[in-house]
Amino acid sequence: MNTKLVAALIAAAMATASAFADKVTLKSGSFLTGTAGVFANGKLKFASDELGDIEVPVDKIAKLESGKDHVVQYLDNTRETKPVTVDNGELAVNEGGETKKLDMSNVKAVDPEDEKWKGSVNGSAMLTRGNTVGESASVVGDVSRRWENDRFKADGGYHYAASGDSKQDKQKTMSRFELQAQEDHFWVGDKFYTYVNGKYEFDRIMDLKYRWRIGAGIGYQWFENRDFGLGKSSFNQELGMAYIFEHYDGTPKDDYGTFRYAHHYNWEISAVDGLAFAHNFEFLPQVDDWSGNYLIDTDAGITYAFRANWQLIAKVEWDYKKKVGYGVKHSDIRYILGLGYKW
């Protein structure tokens, strides 16, 4: 085949590909060609012909030339698919051949993440032999999902430890299990919600044969996955009522009503990719005996996703019960350092 003809065909093919490629023109005057992806966290995901997969801040873009449609989710959670572009650092839409800035005061998200189940399983273990014979293990996990108007989360864990001078006199020093779940329903936008929840736990060292709890109340989501410049954060507070059934070994079964206050905070730290912090707090005083009987459950910890879906976890849990069985301490503190998998 004629060399000039081959060169002409190659040039034509490259010109055709270039004609169909998306183009990002930066405010600096440089430009990128490739394939535009979704908008997420104020950035455009872009598969550049020269640089590969990158994220371009929207406020750095002078103009985006792309025929790709995007999903716009409004504050009332309705969605619309339309051609979204960028005009001088701001999101815009092409309507009737005219480019108009997108009214972000009525927009909840552009290209929101697909609703899917998320969760993790984390474990730690230690074995000692010699002057002290012992072993300990902890397994904690959680699962959650967020829909437009509903949110579900469940978590739990089992903690075990035993030690002694020899295998023969080794005794259990920890044997605790807990499992809890909560369903939230949002009534006004993405702020106000009602909830129902339940929890089960036993602790053989505390002589707690069981504690069941069911409850309901109201909550307010102050912010959810909002980026304040240091990473995405979420914070919510809850007020409600709960009813508890519990039984300590050697004491009569008991049941009583409580008030409930709780808050939850999560922070995905942008300074270190994969690093996140979480804190949870619950206070449940008995309705007719505020100072004589109450529970406090709280925890704080960090996770670090270091490769694929694997993560390291460091966490502290503290439980306090004012009214306990005979000879049992009021407080328990657990330190968890381990390896986990998240999805």
C-alpha atoms as a PDB file:
ATOM      1  CA  MET A   1       0.000   0.000   0.000  1.00  0.00           C
ATOM      2  CA  ASN A   2       1.200   3.524  -0.766  1.00  0.00           C
ATOM      3  CA  THR A   3       3.037   5.050   2.193  1.00  0.00           C
ATOM      4  CA  LYS A   4       1.394   8.435   1.684  1.00  0.00           C
ATOM      5  CA  LEU A   5      -2.024   6.783   1.632  1.00  0.00           C
ATOM      6  CA  VAL A   6      -1.337   4.993   4.916  1.00  0.00           C
ATOM      7  CA  ALA A   7      -0.205   8.239   6.530  1.00  0.00           C
ATOM      8  CA  ALA A   8      -3.316   9.993   5.255  1.00  0.00           C
ATOM      9  CA  LEU A   9      -5.566   7.264   6.674  1.00  0.00           C
ATOM     10  CA  ILE A  10      -3.838   7.425  10.056  1.00  0.00           C
ATOM     11  CA  ALA A  11      -4.132  11.203  10.132  1.00  0.00           C
ATOM     12  CA  ALA A  12      -7.809  10.966   9.222  1.00  0.00           C
ATOM     13  CA  ALA A  13      -8.435   8.417  11.966  1.00  0.00           C
ATOM     14  CA  MET A  14      -6.662  10.595  14.528  1.00  0.00           C
ATOM     15  CA  ALA A  15      -8.643  13.625  13.405  1.00  0.00           C
ATOM     16  CA  THR A  16     -11.886  11.675  13.689  1.00  0.00           C
ATOM     17  CA  ALA A  17     -11.017  10.452  17.192  1.00  0.00           C
ATOM     18  CA  SER A  18     -10.060  13.986  18.184  1.00  0.00           C
ATOM     19  CA  ALA A  19     -13.352  15.305  16.871  1.00  0.00           C
ATOM     20  CA  PHE A  20     -15.308  12.949  19.103  1.00  0.00           C
ATOM     21  CA  ALA A  21     -13.059  13.418  22.166  1.00  0.00           C
ATOM     22  CA  ASP A  22     -14.085  15.568  25.125  1.00  0.00           C
ATOM     23  CA  LYS A  23     -12.030  18.690  25.726  1.00  0.00           C
ATOM     24  CA  VAL A  24     -11.224  20.547  28.950  1.00  0.00           C
ATOM     25  CA  THR A  25      -9.845  24.076  28.613  1.00  0.00           C
ATOM     26  CA  LEU A  26      -8.252  25.299  31.828  1.00  0.00           C
ATOM     27  CA  LYS A  27      -8.242  28.909  32.994  1.00  0.00           C
ATOM     28  CA  SER A  28      -4.478  28.890  32.514  1.00  0.00           C
ATOM     29  CA  GLY A  29      -5.031  28.450  28.785  1.00  0.00           C
ATOM     30  CA  SER A  30      -3.842  24.817  28.513  1.00  0.00           C
ATOM     31  CA  PHE A  31      -6.246  22.083  27.534  1.00  0.00           C
ATOM     32  CA  LEU A  32      -6.780  18.338  27.836  1.00  0.00           C
ATOM     33  CA  THR A  33      -8.484  15.883  25.498  1.00  0.00           C
ATOM     34  CA  GLY A  34      -9.952  12.546  26.476  1.00  0.00           C
ATOM     35  CA  THR A  35     -13.160  11.290  28.053  1.00  0.00           C
ATOM     36  CA  ALA A  36     -15.117  13.205  30.681  1.00  0.00           C
ATOM     37  CA  GLY A  37     -16.467  11.210  33.630  1.00  0.00           C
ATOM     38  CA  VAL A  38     -18.637  12.191  36.581  1.00  0.00           C
ATOM     39  CA  PHE A  39     -18.611  15.260  38.806  1.00  0.00           C
ATOM     40  CA  ALA A  40     -17.736  14.395  42.408  1.00  0.00           C
ATOM     41  CA  ASN A  41     -16.707  16.588  45.365  1.00  0.00           C
ATOM     42  CA  GLY A  42     -16.222  19.666  43.202  1.00  0.00           C
ATOM     43  CA  LYS A  43     -14.006  17.843  40.704  1.00  0.00           C
ATOM     44  CA  LEU A  44     -14.414  16.372  37.226  1.00  0.00           C
ATOM     45  CA  LYS A  45     -13.096  12.863  36.738  1.00  0.00           C
ATOM     46  CA  PHE A  46     -11.344  12.846  33.376  1.00  0.00           C
ATOM     47  CA  ALA A  47      -9.563  10.116  31.396  1.00  0.00           C
ATOM     48  CA  SER A  48      -6.863  12.156  29.682  1.00  0.00           C
ATOM     49  CA  ASP A  49      -5.268  10.908  26.456  1.00  0.00           C
ATOM     50  CA  GLU A  50      -1.854  11.953  27.794  1.00  0.00           C
ATOM     51  CA  LEU A  51      -2.095  11.826  31.606  1.00  0.00           C
ATOM     52  CA  GLY A  52      -4.466   8.931  32.222  1.00  0.00           C
ATOM     53  CA  ASP A  53      -7.166   9.102  34.891  1.00  0.00           C
ATOM     54  CA  ILE A  54      -7.119  12.422  36.726  1.00  0.00           C
ATOM     55  CA  GLU A  55      -9.442  14.694  38.698  1.00  0.00           C
ATOM     56  CA  VAL A  56      -9.740  18.328  37.610  1.00  0.00           C
ATOM     57  CA  PRO A  57     -11.165  20.919  40.064  1.00  0.00           C
ATOM     58  CA  VAL A  58     -14.240  22.511  38.500  1.00  0.00           C
ATOM     59  CA  ASP A  59     -13.168  26.011  39.567  1.00  0.00           C
ATOM     60  CA  LYS A  60      -9.973  25.611  37.480  1.00  0.00           C
ATOM     61  CA  ILE A  61     -11.908  24.858  34.271  1.00  0.00           C
ATOM     62  CA  ALA A  62     -12.689  27.661  31.834  1.00  0.00           C
ATOM     63  CA  LYS A  63     -14.712  25.481  29.460  1.00  0.00           C
ATOM     64  CA  LEU A  64     -15.770  21.855  29.103  1.00  0.00           C
ATOM     65  CA  GLU A  65     -16.731  20.542  25.667  1.00  0.00           C
ATOM     66  CA  SER A  66     -18.526  17.230  26.108  1.00  0.00           C
ATOM     67  CA  GLY A  67     -21.697  15.547  24.967  1.00  0.00           C
ATOM     68  CA  LYS A  68     -22.009  13.456  28.118  1.00  0.00           C
ATOM     69  CA  ASP A  69     -25.226  13.619  30.143  1.00  0.00           C
ATOM     70  CA  HIS A  70     -25.099  13.875  33.936  1.00  0.00           C
ATOM     71  CA  VAL A  71     -27.556  13.122  36.743  1.00  0.00           C
ATOM     72  CA  VAL A  72     -28.693  16.188  38.703  1.00  0.00           C
ATOM     73  CA  GLN A  73     -30.276  15.438  42.107  1.00  0.00           C
ATOM     74  CA  TYR A  74     -32.375  18.272  43.541  1.00  0.00           C
ATOM     75  CA  LEU A  75     -33.051  19.090  47.206  1.00  0.00           C
ATOM     76  CA  ASP A  76     -36.417  17.302  47.092  1.00  0.00           C
ATOM     77  CA  ASN A  77     -34.466  14.175  45.960  1.00  0.00           C
ATOM     78  CA  THR A  78     -35.941  14.186  42.439  1.00  0.00           C
ATOM     79  CA  ARG A  79     -33.430  13.497  39.671  1.00  0.00           C
ATOM     80  CA  GLU A  80     -33.010  14.690  36.114  1.00  0.00           C
ATOM     81  CA  THR A  81     -30.552  13.641  33.416  1.00  0.00           C
ATOM     82  CA  LYS A  82     -29.257  16.522  31.339  1.00  0.00           C
ATOM     83  CA  PRO A  83     -26.078  17.707  29.547  1.00  0.00           C
ATOM     84  CA  VAL A  84     -24.042  19.392  32.301  1.00  0.00           C
ATOM     85  CA  THR A  85     -20.922  21.307  31.333  1.00  0.00           C
ATOM     86  CA  VAL A  86     -18.575  23.843  32.946  1.00  0.00           C
ATOM     87  CA  ASP A  87     -18.478  27.545  32.132  1.00  0.00           C
ATOM     88  CA  ASN A  88     -15.770  29.699  33.750  1.00  0.00           C
ATOM     89  CA  GLY A  89     -15.397  27.518  36.834  1.00  0.00           C
ATOM     90  CA  GLU A  90     -19.110  26.900  37.443  1.00  0.00           C
ATOM     91  CA  LEU A  91     -21.455  24.087  36.499  1.00  0.00           C
ATOM     92  CA  ALA A  92     -23.808  24.921  33.651  1.00  0.00           C
ATOM     93  CA  VAL A  93     -26.377  23.222  31.408  1.00  0.00           C
ATOM     94  CA  ASN A  94     -26.951  23.383  27.676  1.00  0.00           C
ATOM     95  CA  GLU A  95     -30.574  24.171  26.987  1.00  0.00           C
ATOM     96  CA  GLY A  96     -31.791  24.993  23.491  1.00  0.00           C
ATOM     97  CA  GLY A  97     -28.275  25.721  22.325  1.00  0.00           C
ATOM     98  CA  GLU A  98     -27.754  28.216  25.155  1.00  0.00           C
ATOM     99  CA  THR A  99     -25.441  27.695  28.118  1.00  0.00           C
ATOM    100  CA  LYS A 100     -26.996  28.602  31.484  1.00  0.00           C
ATOM    101  CA  LYS A 101     -25.398  28.375  34.922  1.00  0.00           C
ATOM    102  CA  LEU A 102     -26.844  25.598  37.078  1.00  0.00           C
ATOM    103  CA  ASP A 103     -28.805  26.916  40.062  1.00  0.00           C
ATOM    104  CA  MET A 104     -26.842  25.180  42.819  1.00  0.00           C
ATOM    105  CA  SER A 105     -29.153  26.550  45.550  1.00  0.00           C
ATOM    106  CA  ASN A 106     -31.674  23.921  44.467  1.00  0.00           C
ATOM    107  CA  VAL A 107     -29.175  21.129  43.754  1.00  0.00           C
ATOM    108  CA  LYS A 108     -28.246  18.436  46.270  1.00  0.00           C
ATOM    109  CA  ALA A 109     -25.676  16.627  44.108  1.00  0.00           C
ATOM    110  CA  VAL A 110     -24.471  16.140  40.551  1.00  0.00           C
ATOM    111  CA  ASP A 111     -23.728  12.518  39.633  1.00  0.00           C
ATOM    112  CA  PRO A 112     -24.615  11.237  43.141  1.00  0.00           C
ATOM    113  CA  GLU A 113     -23.094   7.929  44.196  1.00  0.00           C
ATOM    114  CA  ASP A 114     -25.174   4.835  43.507  1.00  0.00           C
ATOM    115  CA  GLU A 115     -27.087   3.545  46.506  1.00  0.00           C
ATOM    116  CA  LYS A 116     -25.350   0.388  47.672  1.00  0.00           C
ATOM    117  CA  TRP A 117     -24.514  -1.559  50.772  1.00  0.00           C
ATOM    118  CA  LYS A 118     -21.327  -0.598  52.580  1.00  0.00           C
ATOM    119  CA  GLY A 119     -19.631  -2.333  55.461  1.00  0.00           C
ATOM    120  CA  SER A 120     -16.510  -3.672  57.100  1.00  0.00           C
ATOM    121  CA  VAL A 121     -15.226  -6.572  59.178  1.00  0.00           C
ATOM    122  CA  ASN A 122     -12.234  -6.022  61.468  1.00  0.00           C
ATOM    123  CA  GLY A 123     -10.358  -8.394  63.727  1.00  0.00           C
ATOM    124  CA  SER A 124      -7.466  -8.479  66.176  1.00  0.00           C
ATOM    125  CA  ALA A 125      -5.840 -11.286  68.185  1.00  0.00           C
ATOM    126  CA  MET A 126      -2.976 -11.863  70.626  1.00  0.00           C
ATOM    127  CA  LEU A 127      -1.401 -15.066  71.974  1.00  0.00           C
ATOM    128  CA  THR A 128       1.039 -15.258  74.926  1.00  0.00           C
ATOM    129  CA  ARG A 129       3.052 -18.187  76.287  1.00  0.00           C
ATOM    130  CA  GLY A 130       5.672 -18.331  79.071  1.00  0.00           C
ATOM    131  CA  ASN A 131       5.234 -16.709  82.474  1.00  0.00           C
ATOM    132  CA  THR A 132       1.706 -15.812  81.353  1.00  0.00           C
ATOM    133  CA  VAL A 133      -0.480 -18.097  79.265  1.00  0.00           C
ATOM    134  CA  GLY A 134      -3.286 -16.301  77.500  1.00  0.00           C
ATOM    135  CA  GLU A 135      -5.046 -15.270  74.357  1.00  0.00           C
ATOM    136  CA  SER A 136      -7.397 -12.505  73.287  1.00  0.00           C
ATOM    137  CA  ALA A 137      -9.433 -11.752  70.201  1.00  0.00           C
ATOM    138  CA  SER A 138     -11.896  -9.149  68.995  1.00  0.00           C
ATOM    139  CA  VAL A 139     -14.115  -9.091  65.922  1.00  0.00           C
ATOM    140  CA  VAL A 140     -16.155  -5.992  65.067  1.00  0.00           C
ATOM    141  CA  GLY A 141     -18.158  -5.232  61.969  1.00  0.00           C
ATOM    142  CA  ASP A 142     -20.799  -2.959  60.499  1.00  0.00           C
ATOM    143  CA  VAL A 143     -23.076  -2.680  57.481  1.00  0.00           C
ATOM    144  CA  SER A 144     -25.053   0.322  56.206  1.00  0.00           C
ATOM    145  CA  ARG A 145     -27.004   1.666  53.280  1.00  0.00           C
ATOM    146  CA  ARG A 146     -28.401   5.111  52.379  1.00  0.00           C
ATOM    147  CA  TRP A 147     -31.465   5.559  50.190  1.00  0.00           C
ATOM    148  CA  GLU A 148     -33.064   8.872  49.206  1.00  0.00           C
ATOM    149  CA  ASN A 149     -35.363   8.964  52.248  1.00  0.00           C
ATOM    150  CA  ASP A 150     -34.105   6.110  54.413  1.00  0.00           C
ATOM    151  CA  ARG A 151     -30.892   4.987  56.093  1.00  0.00           C
ATOM    152  CA  PHE A 152     -30.039   1.687  57.756  1.00  0.00           C
ATOM    153  CA  LYS A 153     -27.045   0.750  59.875  1.00  0.00           C
ATOM    154  CA  ALA A 154     -26.161  -2.288  61.955  1.00  0.00           C
ATOM    155  CA  ASP A 155     -22.971  -3.058  63.860  1.00  0.00           C
ATOM    156  CA  GLY A 156     -21.726  -5.480  66.452  1.00  0.00           C
ATOM    157  CA  GLY A 157     -18.756  -7.244  67.931  1.00  0.00           C
ATOM    158  CA  TYR A 158     -17.446 -10.064  70.057  1.00  0.00           C
ATOM    159  CA  HIS A 159     -14.549  -9.710  72.501  1.00  0.00           C
ATOM    160  CA  TYR A 160     -12.779 -12.600  74.245  1.00  0.00           C
ATOM    161  CA  ALA A 161      -9.753 -12.855  76.521  1.00  0.00           C
ATOM    162  CA  ALA A 162      -8.342 -15.450  78.921  1.00  0.00           C
ATOM    163  CA  SER A 163      -5.088 -15.598  80.902  1.00  0.00           C
ATOM    164  CA  GLY A 164      -3.329 -17.381  83.781  1.00  0.00           C
ATOM    165  CA  ASP A 165       0.001 -18.812  84.960  1.00  0.00           C
ATOM    166  CA  SER A 166      -0.625 -22.050  83.053  1.00  0.00           C
ATOM    167  CA  LYS A 167      -3.177 -23.680  80.791  1.00  0.00           C
ATOM    168  CA  GLN A 168      -4.725 -25.390  83.817  1.00  0.00           C
ATOM    169  CA  ASP A 169      -5.507 -22.230  85.785  1.00  0.00           C
ATOM    170  CA  LYS A 170      -6.298 -20.013  82.816  1.00  0.00           C
ATOM    171  CA  GLN A 171      -9.514 -18.045  83.335  1.00  0.00           C
ATOM    172  CA  LYS A 172     -11.690 -15.894  81.116  1.00  0.00           C
ATOM    173  CA  THR A 173     -11.212 -12.184  81.646  1.00  0.00           C
ATOM    174  CA  MET A 174     -13.497 -11.009  78.843  1.00  0.00           C
ATOM    175  CA  SER A 175     -16.449 -12.531  77.035  1.00  0.00           C
ATOM    176  CA  ARG A 176     -18.770  -9.926  75.556  1.00  0.00           C
ATOM    177  CA  PHE A 177     -21.109  -9.804  72.569  1.00  0.00           C
ATOM    178  CA  GLU A 178     -23.289  -6.980  71.259  1.00  0.00           C
ATOM    179  CA  LEU A 179     -25.403  -6.354  68.175  1.00  0.00           C
ATOM    180  CA  GLN A 180     -27.472  -3.282  67.316  1.00  0.00           C
ATOM    181  CA  ALA A 181     -29.384  -1.892  64.349  1.00  0.00           C
ATOM    182  CA  GLN A 182     -31.180   1.355  63.466  1.00  0.00           C
ATOM    183  CA  GLU A 183     -33.498   2.466  60.681  1.00  0.00           C
ATOM    184  CA  ASP A 184     -33.882   6.209  59.914  1.00  0.00           C
ATOM    185  CA  HIS A 185     -36.591   7.797  57.766  1.00  0.00           C
ATOM    186  CA  PHE A 186     -36.126  11.369  56.515  1.00  0.00           C
ATOM    187  CA  TRP A 187     -39.297  13.457  56.369  1.00  0.00           C
ATOM    188  CA  VAL A 188     -38.132  16.978  55.475  1.00  0.00           C
ATOM    189  CA  GLY A 189     -35.371  17.067  52.848  1.00  0.00           C
ATOM    190  CA  ASP A 190     -32.226  15.431  54.186  1.00  0.00           C
ATOM    191  CA  LYS A 191     -32.229  16.962  57.704  1.00  0.00           C
ATOM    192  CA  PHE A 192     -35.091  15.870  59.972  1.00  0.00           C
ATOM    193  CA  TYR A 193     -35.743  12.160  60.497  1.00  0.00           C
ATOM    194  CA  THR A 194     -37.394   9.655  62.832  1.00  0.00           C
ATOM    195  CA  TYR A 195     -35.728   6.427  63.894  1.00  0.00           C
ATOM    196  CA  VAL A 196     -36.382   3.020  65.430  1.00  0.00           C
ATOM    197  CA  ASN A 197     -33.569   0.916  66.854  1.00  0.00           C
ATOM    198  CA  GLY A 198     -32.737  -2.118  68.931  1.00  0.00           C
ATOM    199  CA  LYS A 199     -29.746  -3.623  70.712  1.00  0.00           C
ATOM    200  CA  TYR A 200     -28.805  -6.934  72.319  1.00  0.00           C
ATOM    201  CA  GLU A 201     -25.767  -7.594  74.509  1.00  0.00           C
ATOM    202  CA  PHE A 202     -24.340  -9.999  77.063  1.00  0.00           C
ATOM    203  CA  ASP A 203     -21.171  -9.862  79.145  1.00  0.00           C
ATOM    204  CA  ARG A 204     -20.214 -12.951  81.152  1.00  0.00           C
ATOM    205  CA  ILE A 205     -17.495 -11.170  83.135  1.00  0.00           C
ATOM    206  CA  MET A 206     -19.983  -8.482  84.234  1.00  0.00           C
ATOM    207  CA  ASP A 207     -22.481 -11.300  85.030  1.00  0.00           C
ATOM    208  CA  LEU A 208     -24.827  -9.722  82.480  1.00  0.00           C
ATOM    209  CA  LYS A 209     -26.899 -12.603  81.145  1.00  0.00           C
ATOM    210  CA  TYR A 210     -28.680 -10.330  78.657  1.00  0.00           C
ATOM    211  CA  ARG A 211     -29.760  -6.778  77.977  1.00  0.00           C
ATOM    212  CA  TRP A 212     -32.384  -6.088  75.310  1.00  0.00           C
ATOM    213  CA  ARG A 213     -33.243  -2.569  74.237  1.00  0.00           C
ATOM    214  CA  ILE A 214     -35.839  -1.196  71.814  1.00  0.00           C
ATOM    215  CA  GLY A 215     -36.371   2.486  71.107  1.00  0.00           C
ATOM    216  CA  ALA A 216     -37.653   5.235  68.855  1.00  0.00           C
ATOM    217  CA  GLY A 217     -37.173   8.973  68.494  1.00  0.00           C
ATOM    218  CA  ILE A 218     -36.282  11.914  66.295  1.00  0.00           C
ATOM    219  CA  GLY A 219     -32.983  13.039  64.798  1.00  0.00           C
ATOM    220  CA  TYR A 220     -31.435  15.935  62.921  1.00  0.00           C
ATOM    221  CA  GLN A 221     -28.696  15.532  60.303  1.00  0.00           C
ATOM    222  CA  TRP A 222     -26.722  18.756  60.618  1.00  0.00           C
ATOM    223  CA  PHE A 223     -24.523  17.838  57.643  1.00  0.00           C
ATOM    224  CA  GLU A 224     -23.806  14.676  55.667  1.00  0.00           C
ATOM    225  CA  ASN A 225     -20.671  14.090  53.560  1.00  0.00           C
ATOM    226  CA  ARG A 226     -20.030  17.837  53.478  1.00  0.00           C
ATOM    227  CA  ASP A 227     -16.544  19.002  52.550  1.00  0.00           C
ATOM    228  CA  PHE A 228     -15.329  21.883  54.717  1.00  0.00           C
ATOM    229  CA  GLY A 229     -11.926  21.883  53.028  1.00  0.00           C
ATOM    230  CA  LEU A 230     -10.390  19.260  55.307  1.00  0.00           C
ATOM    231  CA  GLY A 231     -12.392  16.295  54.047  1.00  0.00           C
ATOM    232  CA  LYS A 232     -15.993  15.074  54.049  1.00  0.00           C
ATOM    233  CA  SER A 233     -17.783  15.167  57.414  1.00  0.00           C
ATOM    234  CA  SER A 234     -21.135  13.992  58.773  1.00  0.00           C
ATOM    235  CA  PHE A 235     -22.783  14.859  62.092  1.00  0.00           C
ATOM    236  CA  ASN A 236     -26.223  14.087  63.514  1.00  0.00           C
ATOM    237  CA  GLN A 237     -27.969  14.211  66.906  1.00  0.00           C
ATOM    238  CA  GLU A 238     -30.877  12.166  68.259  1.00  0.00           C
ATOM    239  CA  LEU A 239     -33.450  12.350  71.086  1.00  0.00           C
ATOM    240  CA  GLY A 240     -35.866   9.592  71.968  1.00  0.00           C
ATOM    241  CA  MET A 241     -37.142   6.955  74.339  1.00  0.00           C
ATOM    242  CA  ALA A 242     -36.082   3.357  74.921  1.00  0.00           C
ATOM    243  CA  TYR A 243     -37.218   0.385  76.954  1.00  0.00           C
ATOM    244  CA  ILE A 244     -34.682  -2.000  78.470  1.00  0.00           C
ATOM    245  CA  PHE A 245     -34.969  -5.600  79.637  1.00  0.00           C
ATOM    246  CA  GLU A 246     -31.911  -6.888  81.522  1.00  0.00           C
ATOM    247  CA  HIS A 247     -30.818  -9.658  83.847  1.00  0.00           C
ATOM    248  CA  TYR A 248     -27.652  -9.869  85.952  1.00  0.00           C
ATOM    249  CA  ASP A 249     -26.671 -13.253  87.348  1.00  0.00           C
ATOM    250  CA  GLY A 250     -27.803 -13.587  90.965  1.00  0.00           C
ATOM    251  CA  THR A 251     -30.266 -10.685  90.787  1.00  0.00           C
ATOM    252  CA  PRO A 252     -33.938 -10.448  89.748  1.00  0.00           C
ATOM    253  CA  LYS A 253     -34.814  -9.625  86.148  1.00  0.00           C
ATOM    254  CA  ASP A 254     -35.392  -5.923  85.570  1.00  0.00           C
ATOM    255  CA  ASP A 255     -37.092  -3.745  82.968  1.00  0.00           C
ATOM    256  CA  TYR A 256     -37.477   0.028  82.797  1.00  0.00           C
ATOM    257  CA  GLY A 257     -37.916   2.974  80.454  1.00  0.00           C
ATOM    258  CA  THR A 258     -35.178   5.477  79.593  1.00  0.00           C
ATOM    259  CA  PHE A 259     -34.691   8.713  77.737  1.00  0.00           C
ATOM    260  CA  ARG A 260     -32.019   8.605  75.014  1.00  0.00           C
ATOM    261  CA  TYR A 261     -29.577  11.178  73.684  1.00  0.00           C
ATOM    262  CA  ALA A 262     -27.040  10.248  70.994  1.00  0.00           C
ATOM    263  CA  HIS A 263     -24.718  11.846  68.474  1.00  0.00           C
ATOM    264  CA  HIS A 264     -22.558  10.473  65.676  1.00  0.00           C
ATOM    265  CA  TYR A 265     -19.628  12.084  63.876  1.00  0.00           C
ATOM    266  CA  ASN A 266     -17.617  10.832  60.885  1.00  0.00           C
ATOM    267  CA  TRP A 267     -14.705  12.530  59.128  1.00  0.00           C
ATOM    268  CA  GLU A 268     -12.867  11.369  56.000  1.00  0.00           C
ATOM    269  CA  ILE A 269      -9.571  13.239  56.386  1.00  0.00           C
ATOM    270  CA  SER A 270      -8.437  14.692  53.058  1.00  0.00           C
ATOM    271  CA  ALA A 271      -4.835  15.330  54.225  1.00  0.00           C
ATOM    272  CA  VAL A 272      -4.147  11.573  54.262  1.00  0.00           C
ATOM    273  CA  ASP A 273      -5.851   9.507  51.590  1.00  0.00           C
ATOM    274  CA  GLY A 274      -7.764   6.610  53.172  1.00  0.00           C
ATOM    275  CA  LEU A 275      -7.690   7.981  56.751  1.00  0.00           C
ATOM    276  CA  ALA A 276     -11.035   8.383  58.568  1.00  0.00           C
ATOM    277  CA  PHE A 277     -12.189   9.209  62.112  1.00  0.00           C
ATOM    278  CA  ALA A 278     -15.472   8.203  63.782  1.00  0.00           C
ATOM    279  CA  HIS A 279     -17.058   8.974  67.161  1.00  0.00           C
ATOM    280  CA  ASN A 280     -20.367   7.781  68.646  1.00  0.00           C
ATOM    281  CA  PHE A 281     -22.013   8.622  71.971  1.00  0.00           C
ATOM    282  CA  GLU A 282     -25.190   7.446  73.756  1.00  0.00           C
ATOM    283  CA  PHE A 283     -26.648   8.454  77.141  1.00  0.00           C
ATOM    284  CA  LEU A 284     -29.698   6.595  78.510  1.00  0.00           C
ATOM    285  CA  PRO A 285     -30.945   7.656  81.993  1.00  0.00           C
ATOM    286  CA  GLN A 286     -33.836   5.734  83.581  1.00  0.00           C
ATOM    287  CA  VAL A 287     -37.026   7.803  83.352  1.00  0.00           C
ATOM    288  CA  ASP A 288     -37.886   7.650  87.076  1.00  0.00           C
ATOM    289  CA  ASP A 289     -34.311   7.442  88.443  1.00  0.00           C
ATOM    290  CA  TRP A 290     -32.015   9.765  86.470  1.00  0.00           C
ATOM    291  CA  SER A 291     -29.098   9.752  88.910  1.00  0.00           C
ATOM    292  CA  GLY A 292     -29.505   6.225  90.235  1.00  0.00           C
ATOM    293  CA  ASN A 293     -29.492   4.268  86.979  1.00  0.00           C
ATOM    294  CA  TYR A 294     -28.141   5.225  83.577  1.00  0.00           C
ATOM    295  CA  LEU A 295     -26.011   3.855  80.739  1.00  0.00           C
ATOM    296  CA  ILE A 296     -23.282   5.519  78.698  1.00  0.00           C
ATOM    297  CA  ASP A 297     -21.941   3.923  75.507  1.00  0.00           C
ATOM    298  CA  THR A 298     -19.243   5.736  73.563  1.00  0.00           C
ATOM    299  CA  ASP A 299     -16.404   4.967  71.176  1.00  0.00           C
ATOM    300  CA  ALA A 300     -13.825   6.764  69.066  1.00  0.00           C
ATOM    301  CA  GLY A 301     -11.439   5.406  66.484  1.00  0.00           C
ATOM    302  CA  ILE A 302      -9.591   5.793  63.226  1.00  0.00           C
ATOM    303  CA  THR A 303      -9.345   3.570  60.155  1.00  0.00           C
ATOM    304  CA  TYR A 304      -6.736   3.679  57.425  1.00  0.00           C
ATOM    305  CA  ALA A 305      -7.418   2.054  54.055  1.00  0.00           C
ATOM    306  CA  PHE A 306      -3.924   1.206  52.863  1.00  0.00           C
ATOM    307  CA  ARG A 307      -4.433  -1.151  49.925  1.00  0.00           C
ATOM    308  CA  ALA A 308      -7.456  -2.141  47.831  1.00  0.00           C
ATOM    309  CA  ASN A 309     -10.219  -2.693  50.412  1.00  0.00           C
ATOM    310  CA  TRP A 310      -7.950  -3.578  53.334  1.00  0.00           C
ATOM    311  CA  GLN A 311      -7.755  -1.262  56.324  1.00  0.00           C
ATOM    312  CA  LEU A 312      -6.137  -0.844  59.715  1.00  0.00           C
ATOM    313  CA  ILE A 313      -8.323   0.042  62.684  1.00  0.00           C
ATOM    314  CA  ALA A 314      -7.533   1.607  66.061  1.00  0.00           C
ATOM    315  CA  LYS A 315     -10.523   2.077  68.344  1.00  0.00           C
ATOM    316  CA  VAL A 316     -11.438   2.708  71.982  1.00  0.00           C
ATOM    317  CA  GLU A 317     -14.816   1.662  73.422  1.00  0.00           C
ATOM    318  CA  TRP A 318     -16.150   2.703  76.840  1.00  0.00           C
ATOM    319  CA  ASP A 319     -19.295   1.396  78.543  1.00  0.00           C
ATOM    320  CA  TYR A 320     -20.578   2.681  81.880  1.00  0.00           C
ATOM    321  CA  LYS A 321     -23.593   1.345  83.820  1.00  0.00           C
ATOM    322  CA  LYS A 322     -24.573   3.035  87.074  1.00  0.00           C
ATOM    323  CA  LYS A 323     -26.667   0.138  88.405  1.00  0.00           C
ATOM    324  CA  VAL A 324     -24.981  -3.253  88.035  1.00  0.00           C
ATOM    325  CA  GLY A 325     -24.955  -6.670  89.680  1.00  0.00           C
ATOM    326  CA  TYR A 326     -23.328  -7.418  93.049  1.00  0.00           C
ATOM    327  CA  GLY A 327     -19.512  -7.204  92.997  1.00  0.00           C
ATOM    328  CA  VAL A 328     -19.408  -5.959  89.385  1.00  0.00           C
ATOM    329  CA  LYS A 329     -17.523  -2.851  88.266  1.00  0.00           C
ATOM    330  CA  HIS A 330     -19.477  -0.045  86.628  1.00  0.00           C
ATOM    331  CA  SER A 331     -17.049   0.674  83.790  1.00  0.00           C
ATOM    332  CA  ASP A 332     -15.467  -1.284  80.935  1.00  0.00           C
ATOM    333  CA  ILE A 333     -12.852   0.016  78.494  1.00  0.00           C
ATOM    334  CA  ARG A 334     -11.754  -1.910  75.386  1.00  0.00           C
ATOM    335  CA  TYR A 335      -8.797  -1.049  73.146  1.00  0.00           C
ATOM    336  CA  ILE A 336      -8.961  -2.549  69.633  1.00  0.00           C
ATOM    337  CA  LEU A 337      -6.057  -2.539  67.178  1.00  0.00           C
ATOM    338  CA  GLY A 338      -6.451  -4.767  64.170  1.00  0.00           C
ATOM    339  CA  LEU A 339      -6.792  -5.465  60.471  1.00  0.00           C
ATOM    340  CA  GLY A 340     -10.006  -5.351  58.489  1.00  0.00           C
ATOM    341  CA  TYR A 341     -11.721  -5.487  55.127  1.00  0.00           C
ATOM    342  CA  LYS A 342     -14.245  -2.925  53.869  1.00  0.00           C
ATOM    343  CA  TRP A 343     -16.532  -2.767  50.859  1.00  0.00           C
END
